[in-house]
Amino acid sequence: MQPMRIVLPTPFAVGPVNAYIYMLDPVTVVDPGPLYPPAQAAFAAGLQQAGIVVGDIRQVIVTHHHPDHVGYAPLLAEQSGAVLLMHLDAAERTAAPRGDEAASEALLRRHGVPEAILTTMRQELSRIVSFMAPLGAYRELKEGDTIRAGDEALKALVLPGHAPGHVCLQAEGHVVGGDLLIEGITPNPIFEVGPEGRRPSLQEYRTSLERVRRLPLVPWLPGHRGDVADPYALIEKYERQMADRQERVRGLLAQEPKSAFALSQELFPMARGADPFLAISETLGQLDALKAAGRVVEDAAGERVLFHAA
């Protein structure tokens, strides 16, 4: 049986987020939303509609560590006495949501991001993480783990790219897909610096999409908006969009070398309301793909990294 969906408001530009509840024992919640009073009110109303109280919840599963999905989860697990399940990568980032800010800012600076924009990014990060409860006890969720939720057996599929440790939950008749596939939105492979340097987020995401192509076609229940009726068609659409963006990036670099930030502002201008962090995340991902294809060369010899058409 498919889970009940509760649509929760968020304080983020992405808009409402979907929480899912498997109502039979063991009662299981997936992605209970941000730590944001209007979201908690909507969640409580959804529980009441389902005839469930917080104390009935036995498991809380998180698909990934972004605050609109994980923010309330640690507190909900504490309030209900439920087990909190999440991938290790998601747990580490929930425990330390600001990451290595100094390393991230140093790399963004090298990619041409001005100090004023870095200050704005820092302030926005502070706002975003304020909607997250501190991480307490949790159980690690690994690839291939099977969780009994209501009358369903959910198999954990680790499909990173949008976020490290992003997990989708495959049941016999549906997939709870987090932010891997969303109608009308291309999930952004987020810029992130780890111990081994910057993650190749877009390449990870494309590998995850290729894996999804091999799954049986079932209803796809996303983290935002309505169900994805045809996951395969949406993946094809994403691939076309990514190819088009790469061609545009390659065309801009054919005119002259540019920094990633300069490219991002031609692709997604702040003057039109684009988020500069998401814009440079997307742009660096497209540059990674072009470099891997031998179509772009990265010059990191100077103070600022520049990209050239090959």
Protein backbone atom coordinates (compact mmCIF):
# COMPACT_ATOMS: atom_id res chain seq x y z
CA MET A 1 0.00 0.00 0.00
CA GLN A 2 1.35 3.42 -0.91
CA PRO A 3 2.07 5.77 1.99
CA MET A 4 -0.05 8.77 2.89
CA ARG A 5 1.43 12.04 1.66
CA ILE A 6 1.42 15.16 3.86
CA VAL A 7 2.38 18.37 2.06
CA LEU A 8 4.34 20.64 4.40
CA PRO A 9 5.15 24.34 3.96
CA THR A 10 8.81 25.33 4.06
CA PRO A 11 10.67 28.63 4.46
CA PHE A 12 12.71 27.81 1.34
CA ALA A 13 12.43 28.87 -2.30
CA VAL A 14 11.72 25.28 -3.38
CA GLY A 15 8.30 25.52 -1.76
CA PRO A 16 6.36 22.73 -0.01
CA VAL A 17 7.96 19.38 0.78
CA ASN A 18 6.29 15.97 0.87
CA ALA A 19 6.35 13.83 4.00
CA TYR A 20 5.16 10.24 3.70
CA ILE A 21 3.56 8.04 6.38
CA TYR A 22 3.15 4.27 6.31
CA MET A 23 0.17 3.99 8.64
CA LEU A 24 0.21 0.32 9.56
CA ASP A 25 2.51 -1.03 12.25
CA PRO A 26 5.37 -0.30 12.35
CA VAL A 27 4.18 3.26 11.64
CA THR A 28 6.94 4.88 9.60
CA VAL A 29 7.51 8.49 8.55
CA VAL A 30 9.77 9.45 5.65
CA ASP A 31 11.16 13.02 5.51
CA PRO A 32 9.10 14.87 8.14
CA GLY A 33 10.15 18.30 6.86
CA PRO A 34 12.00 21.27 8.34
CA LEU A 35 12.03 22.41 11.95
CA TYR A 36 9.56 25.17 11.11
CA PRO A 37 6.37 25.78 13.14
CA PRO A 38 3.99 25.96 10.14
CA ALA A 39 5.42 22.64 8.91
CA GLN A 40 4.98 21.02 12.33
CA ALA A 41 1.38 22.27 12.43
CA ALA A 42 0.68 20.77 8.99
CA PHE A 43 2.38 17.52 10.02
CA ALA A 44 0.28 17.29 13.20
CA ALA A 45 -2.88 17.91 11.17
CA GLY A 46 -1.89 15.12 8.80
CA LEU A 47 -1.34 12.72 11.69
CA GLN A 48 -4.71 13.62 13.13
CA GLN A 49 -6.37 13.01 9.76
CA ALA A 50 -4.72 9.57 9.66
CA GLY A 51 -5.80 8.76 13.21
CA ILE A 52 -2.18 8.58 14.37
CA VAL A 53 -0.50 10.22 17.34
CA VAL A 54 3.21 10.96 17.61
CA GLY A 55 3.69 8.12 20.07
CA ASP A 56 2.52 5.63 17.42
CA ILE A 57 5.51 6.38 15.18
CA ARG A 58 8.11 3.62 15.32
CA GLN A 59 10.53 4.68 12.55
CA VAL A 60 11.64 7.95 10.96
CA ILE A 61 13.57 7.61 7.70
CA VAL A 62 15.46 10.46 6.04
CA THR A 63 16.25 10.39 2.31
CA HIS A 64 18.98 13.06 2.56
CA HIS A 65 20.38 15.73 4.85
CA HIS A 66 18.89 18.92 3.39
CA PRO A 67 16.92 20.86 6.04
CA ASP A 68 13.59 20.71 4.21
CA HIS A 69 13.73 16.91 4.61
CA VAL A 70 15.75 16.22 7.77
CA GLY A 71 15.17 19.33 9.89
CA TYR A 72 12.41 17.97 12.13
CA ALA A 73 13.49 14.32 12.00
CA PRO A 74 15.81 14.16 15.07
CA LEU A 75 13.26 15.93 17.25
CA LEU A 76 10.37 13.80 15.96
CA ALA A 77 12.37 10.65 16.72
CA GLU A 78 13.03 11.93 20.23
CA GLN A 79 9.37 12.93 20.79
CA SER A 80 8.01 9.59 19.57
CA GLY A 81 10.73 7.25 20.76
CA ALA A 82 11.12 6.12 17.15
CA VAL A 83 14.29 4.83 15.51
CA LEU A 84 15.86 7.39 13.18
CA LEU A 85 17.36 5.83 10.03
CA MET A 86 19.68 7.64 7.63
CA HIS A 87 22.77 7.08 5.53
CA LEU A 88 26.11 7.74 7.24
CA ASP A 89 26.93 10.59 4.84
CA ALA A 90 23.58 12.23 5.60
CA ALA A 91 24.12 11.77 9.34
CA GLU A 92 27.58 13.35 9.26
CA ARG A 93 26.23 16.39 7.42
CA THR A 94 23.21 16.67 9.69
CA ALA A 95 25.53 16.61 12.71
CA ALA A 96 27.78 19.31 11.16
CA PRO A 97 25.52 21.17 8.70
CA ARG A 98 27.94 24.00 8.01
CA GLY A 99 30.62 21.57 6.81
CA ASP A 100 34.13 22.91 6.24
CA GLU A 101 33.15 26.51 5.57
CA ALA A 102 36.70 27.78 5.29
CA ALA A 103 37.62 25.24 2.61
CA SER A 104 34.37 25.82 0.72
CA GLU A 105 34.77 29.59 0.74
CA ALA A 106 38.41 29.36 -0.31
CA LEU A 107 37.45 27.25 -3.33
CA LEU A 108 34.49 29.46 -4.24
CA ARG A 109 36.80 32.47 -4.04
CA ARG A 110 39.19 30.73 -6.44
CA HIS A 111 36.26 30.18 -8.80
CA GLY A 112 35.58 33.92 -8.89
CA VAL A 113 32.86 34.42 -6.29
CA PRO A 114 33.15 38.00 -4.94
CA GLU A 115 33.48 38.62 -1.20
CA ALA A 116 30.08 40.32 -1.03
CA ILE A 117 28.43 37.21 -2.51
CA LEU A 118 30.36 34.96 -0.11
CA THR A 119 28.99 37.03 2.76
CA THR A 120 25.46 36.60 1.39
CA MET A 121 26.01 32.84 1.04
CA ARG A 122 27.29 32.66 4.62
CA GLN A 123 24.21 34.49 5.91
CA GLU A 124 21.88 32.26 3.90
CA LEU A 125 23.59 29.14 5.24
CA SER A 126 23.03 30.41 8.79
CA ARG A 127 19.35 30.89 8.00
CA ILE A 128 19.00 27.47 6.40
CA VAL A 129 20.62 25.48 9.20
CA SER A 130 18.44 27.24 11.78
CA PHE A 131 15.62 24.98 10.57
CA MET A 132 17.46 21.81 11.67
CA ALA A 133 17.23 20.05 15.03
CA PRO A 134 20.51 18.69 16.46
CA LEU A 135 21.19 15.10 15.51
CA GLY A 136 20.84 12.57 18.31
CA ALA A 137 20.86 8.78 18.11
CA TYR A 138 20.32 7.22 14.70
CA ARG A 139 20.72 3.90 12.91
CA GLU A 140 22.85 3.76 9.79
CA LEU A 141 20.99 2.98 6.58
CA LYS A 142 23.08 1.19 3.95
CA GLU A 143 22.66 0.16 0.34
CA GLY A 144 20.39 -2.85 0.09
CA ASP A 145 19.01 -2.64 3.62
CA THR A 146 15.36 -3.67 3.84
CA ILE A 147 13.06 -1.87 6.28
CA ARG A 148 9.59 -3.10 7.15
CA ALA A 149 7.22 -0.09 7.04
CA GLY A 150 3.57 -0.82 7.52
CA ASP A 151 2.81 -3.67 5.14
CA GLU A 152 5.68 -2.77 2.82
CA ALA A 153 9.30 -3.91 2.60
CA LEU A 154 11.38 -0.86 1.64
CA LYS A 155 14.77 -1.49 0.03
CA ALA A 156 17.33 1.28 0.45
CA LEU A 157 18.94 2.43 -2.79
CA VAL A 158 21.85 4.83 -2.28
CA LEU A 159 21.65 7.28 -5.21
CA PRO A 160 23.93 10.27 -4.56
CA GLY A 161 24.39 13.41 -6.62
CA HIS A 162 21.79 15.85 -5.35
CA ALA A 163 23.26 15.09 -1.92
CA PRO A 164 25.83 12.64 -0.52
CA GLY A 165 24.16 9.56 0.84
CA HIS A 166 20.86 10.34 -0.88
CA VAL A 167 18.60 7.32 -0.41
CA CYS A 168 15.51 6.24 -2.34
CA LEU A 169 13.18 3.62 -0.89
CA GLN A 170 12.00 0.94 -3.31
CA ALA A 171 8.83 -0.98 -2.48
CA GLU A 172 7.12 -3.60 -4.61
CA GLY A 173 4.67 -1.09 -6.07
CA HIS A 174 6.31 2.35 -5.68
CA VAL A 175 9.50 4.28 -4.93
CA VAL A 176 9.82 7.07 -2.38
CA GLY A 177 12.38 9.06 -4.29
CA GLY A 178 13.49 12.05 -2.21
CA ASP A 179 14.86 14.74 -4.53
CA LEU A 180 16.26 12.52 -7.27
CA LEU A 181 13.36 13.13 -9.69
CA ILE A 182 10.90 16.02 -9.42
CA GLU A 183 8.41 17.17 -12.03
CA GLY A 184 9.15 20.71 -13.19
CA ILE A 185 12.43 20.97 -11.25
CA THR A 186 15.93 19.80 -12.12
CA PRO A 187 17.38 18.71 -8.75
CA ASN A 188 20.58 20.67 -8.28
CA PRO A 189 23.79 18.69 -7.68
CA ILE A 190 25.03 20.78 -4.76
CA PHE A 191 28.58 22.15 -4.49
CA GLU A 192 30.32 20.49 -1.58
CA VAL A 193 33.91 20.21 -0.41
CA GLY A 194 34.95 17.13 1.53
CA PRO A 195 38.24 15.67 2.81
CA GLU A 196 39.20 14.70 -0.74
CA GLY A 197 38.25 18.03 -2.31
CA ARG A 198 35.18 19.06 -4.27
CA ARG A 199 32.71 16.28 -4.96
CA PRO A 200 31.85 15.63 -8.64
CA SER A 201 28.17 16.09 -7.78
CA LEU A 202 26.74 16.18 -11.29
CA GLN A 203 28.67 13.10 -12.38
CA GLU A 204 27.39 11.25 -9.31
CA TYR A 205 23.87 12.39 -10.13
CA ARG A 206 24.06 11.17 -13.72
CA THR A 207 25.35 7.79 -12.53
CA SER A 208 22.36 7.59 -10.20
CA LEU A 209 19.98 8.44 -13.06
CA GLU A 210 21.48 5.63 -15.15
CA ARG A 211 20.84 3.24 -12.30
CA VAL A 212 17.20 4.37 -12.02
CA ARG A 213 16.73 3.62 -15.73
CA ARG A 214 17.15 -0.07 -14.86
CA LEU A 215 14.47 -0.09 -12.15
CA PRO A 216 10.99 -1.44 -12.90
CA LEU A 217 8.62 1.37 -13.87
CA VAL A 218 6.49 2.06 -10.78
CA PRO A 219 4.86 5.17 -9.32
CA TRP A 220 7.61 7.54 -8.17
CA LEU A 221 6.74 9.51 -5.03
CA PRO A 222 9.01 12.58 -4.96
CA GLY A 223 10.13 14.92 -2.21
CA HIS A 224 8.35 17.86 -3.85
CA ARG A 225 5.31 18.33 -6.06
CA GLY A 226 3.16 15.52 -7.44
CA ASP A 227 3.96 11.95 -8.39
CA VAL A 228 6.29 11.38 -11.33
CA ALA A 229 4.09 9.53 -13.79
CA ASP A 230 6.91 8.50 -16.14
CA PRO A 231 10.36 8.48 -14.47
CA TYR A 232 12.07 7.38 -17.69
CA ALA A 233 10.66 10.30 -19.68
CA LEU A 234 11.71 12.73 -16.94
CA ILE A 235 15.25 11.35 -16.96
CA GLU A 236 15.39 11.84 -20.73
CA LYS A 237 14.22 15.43 -20.23
CA TYR A 238 16.92 16.02 -17.61
CA GLU A 239 19.58 14.62 -19.94
CA ARG A 240 18.47 16.97 -22.73
CA GLN A 241 18.53 19.94 -20.38
CA MET A 242 22.02 19.06 -19.15
CA ALA A 243 23.29 18.62 -22.71
CA ASP A 244 21.79 21.96 -23.73
CA ARG A 245 23.43 23.71 -20.78
CA GLN A 246 26.78 22.14 -21.58
CA GLU A 247 26.55 23.39 -25.14
CA ARG A 248 25.77 26.87 -23.90
CA VAL A 249 28.72 26.78 -21.47
CA ARG A 250 31.01 25.54 -24.25
CA GLY A 251 29.76 28.33 -26.53
CA LEU A 252 30.43 31.01 -23.91
CA LEU A 253 33.94 29.70 -23.35
CA ALA A 254 34.59 29.69 -27.09
CA GLN A 255 34.33 33.49 -26.90
CA GLU A 256 36.86 33.91 -24.07
CA PRO A 257 38.10 32.15 -20.91
CA LYS A 258 35.86 32.67 -17.89
CA SER A 259 35.61 31.80 -14.23
CA ALA A 260 32.88 29.48 -13.03
CA PHE A 261 31.16 32.37 -11.26
CA ALA A 262 31.16 34.54 -14.40
CA LEU A 263 29.67 31.64 -16.36
CA SER A 264 27.06 31.04 -13.68
CA GLN A 265 25.90 34.63 -13.91
CA GLU A 266 25.44 34.36 -17.66
CA LEU A 267 23.47 31.14 -17.23
CA PHE A 268 21.52 32.07 -14.08
CA PRO A 269 21.74 35.84 -13.41
CA MET A 270 21.14 37.02 -9.86
CA ALA A 271 19.32 39.98 -11.41
CA ARG A 272 16.59 37.49 -12.34
CA GLY A 273 16.38 36.08 -8.84
CA ALA A 274 18.71 33.10 -9.18
CA ASP A 275 20.44 31.81 -6.05
CA PRO A 276 24.19 32.35 -6.62
CA PHE A 277 25.18 29.24 -4.66
CA LEU A 278 22.85 26.96 -6.60
CA ALA A 279 23.91 28.68 -9.83
CA ILE A 280 27.62 28.03 -9.32
CA SER A 281 26.87 24.48 -8.11
CA GLU A 282 25.09 23.75 -11.40
CA THR A 283 27.76 25.51 -13.48
CA LEU A 284 30.66 23.63 -11.90
CA GLY A 285 28.80 20.40 -12.53
CA GLN A 286 28.45 21.19 -16.23
CA LEU A 287 32.12 22.17 -16.38
CA ASP A 288 33.08 18.83 -14.79
CA ALA A 289 31.15 17.01 -17.52
CA LEU A 290 32.77 19.09 -20.27
CA LYS A 291 36.25 18.51 -18.82
CA ALA A 292 35.62 14.78 -18.66
CA ALA A 293 34.63 14.87 -22.33
CA GLY A 294 37.80 16.79 -23.25
CA ARG A 295 35.83 19.82 -24.41
CA VAL A 296 36.96 22.25 -21.70
CA VAL A 297 40.33 22.84 -20.06
CA GLU A 298 40.75 24.12 -16.51
CA ASP A 299 43.60 26.56 -15.82
CA ALA A 300 44.23 26.63 -12.07
CA ALA A 301 47.72 28.14 -12.23
CA GLY A 302 46.72 31.65 -11.21
CA GLU A 303 44.93 33.15 -8.24
CA ARG A 304 41.61 32.55 -9.97
CA VAL A 305 40.62 29.35 -11.80
CA LEU A 306 39.68 29.97 -15.44
CA PHE A 307 38.10 27.65 -17.97
CA HIS A 308 38.95 27.54 -21.69
CA ALA A 309 37.26 25.85 -24.60
CA ALA A 310 39.40 22.92 -25.75
